């Protein structure tokens, strides 16, 4: 799920599921990204349940700032049952 914060209130913009490569290729329509604060929430409980694996983190939320709305924002999540990492990809 992707949300945008405006005036202290979060608004859901989009949701979807990753493909076989673990990517969500079309989360927002082209040109709809504006400057501001966004957050992605990953449903890791469903991911690990489908693999019959217990996890410490039922979901992971990543908040990030968009300062250049013309830029490319690729936010990978590297996850294991007991840890995760994220970064701005290329």
Protein backbone atom coordinates (compact mmCIF):
# COMPACT_ATOMS: atom_id res chain seq x y z
CA UNK A 1 0.00 0.00 0.00
CA UNK A 2 1.25 3.48 -0.83
CA UNK A 3 0.07 6.47 1.19
CA UNK A 4 0.73 10.21 1.00
CA UNK A 5 0.79 12.51 4.03
CA UNK A 6 -0.82 15.92 3.71
CA UNK A 7 -1.50 18.08 6.75
CA UNK A 8 -0.71 15.25 9.15
CA UNK A 9 -3.25 12.89 7.57
CA UNK A 10 -2.33 9.83 5.49
CA UNK A 11 -4.27 9.17 2.27
CA UNK A 12 -4.09 5.82 0.50
CA UNK A 13 -2.98 6.29 -3.11
CA UNK A 14 -2.51 2.76 -4.35
CA UNK A 15 -2.10 -0.88 -3.45
CA UNK A 16 -0.99 -3.95 -5.31
CA UNK A 17 0.93 -7.20 -5.22
CA UNK A 18 4.45 -7.94 -6.33
CA UNK A 19 5.09 -10.12 -9.37
CA UNK A 20 7.22 -13.27 -9.59
CA UNK A 21 10.37 -11.11 -9.52
CA UNK A 22 9.22 -9.41 -6.30
CA UNK A 23 8.48 -6.12 -8.07
CA UNK A 24 5.42 -3.89 -8.16
CA UNK A 25 6.00 -2.22 -11.49
CA UNK A 26 3.01 0.13 -11.74
CA UNK A 27 2.15 1.46 -8.30
CA UNK A 28 1.33 5.00 -9.47
CA UNK A 29 0.25 6.46 -12.79
CA UNK A 30 3.00 8.30 -14.64
CA UNK A 31 3.24 11.94 -13.60
CA UNK A 32 1.20 11.55 -10.39
CA UNK A 33 4.16 11.73 -7.98
CA UNK A 34 4.41 15.08 -6.17
CA UNK A 35 6.84 16.36 -3.57
CA UNK A 36 5.99 15.25 -0.04
CA UNK A 37 6.18 12.36 2.40
CA UNK A 38 5.06 8.88 1.38
CA UNK A 39 4.97 5.52 3.05
CA UNK A 40 4.92 2.00 1.70
CA UNK A 41 3.51 -0.82 3.82
CA UNK A 42 4.57 -4.35 2.95
CA UNK A 43 2.37 -7.28 4.08
CA UNK A 44 5.22 -9.55 5.13
CA UNK A 45 2.90 -11.81 7.18
CA UNK A 46 1.12 -12.97 4.01
CA UNK A 47 4.45 -13.40 2.21
CA UNK A 48 5.93 -15.63 4.92
CA UNK A 49 2.65 -17.50 5.54
CA UNK A 50 2.60 -18.51 1.86
CA UNK A 51 6.02 -20.06 2.49
CA UNK A 52 4.94 -21.67 5.80
CA UNK A 53 7.51 -19.59 7.66
CA UNK A 54 7.03 -17.68 10.90
CA UNK A 55 8.16 -14.06 10.99
CA UNK A 56 8.77 -11.46 13.67
CA UNK A 57 7.44 -8.65 11.46
CA UNK A 58 3.82 -8.98 10.21
CA UNK A 59 4.27 -5.85 8.13
CA UNK A 60 7.04 -3.40 7.33
CA UNK A 61 6.35 0.29 6.79
CA UNK A 62 8.91 2.47 5.01
CA UNK A 63 8.39 6.25 5.05
CA UNK A 64 10.35 8.41 2.61
CA UNK A 65 10.47 11.97 1.30
CA UNK A 66 10.12 12.88 -2.36
CA UNK A 67 12.01 16.12 -2.95
CA UNK A 68 12.24 15.89 -6.74
CA UNK A 69 8.96 14.69 -8.25
CA UNK A 70 10.69 14.14 -11.60
CA UNK A 71 13.14 11.64 -10.09
CA UNK A 72 12.93 7.86 -10.09
CA UNK A 73 12.03 6.28 -6.75
CA UNK A 74 12.75 2.56 -6.49
CA UNK A 75 12.39 1.44 -2.85
CA UNK A 76 13.52 -2.20 -2.47
CA UNK A 77 12.77 -4.18 0.67
CA UNK A 78 15.19 -6.97 1.54
CA UNK A 79 13.47 -9.19 4.06
CA UNK A 80 14.11 -12.31 6.10
CA UNK A 81 11.86 -13.77 8.82
CA UNK A 82 13.73 -11.83 11.52
CA UNK A 83 15.13 -8.71 9.84
CA UNK A 84 14.83 -6.33 6.93
CA UNK A 85 16.68 -3.56 5.13
CA UNK A 86 15.71 -0.96 2.56
CA UNK A 87 17.41 1.68 0.45
CA UNK A 88 16.78 3.93 -2.54
CA UNK A 89 17.55 1.85 -5.60
CA UNK A 90 18.37 2.96 -9.10
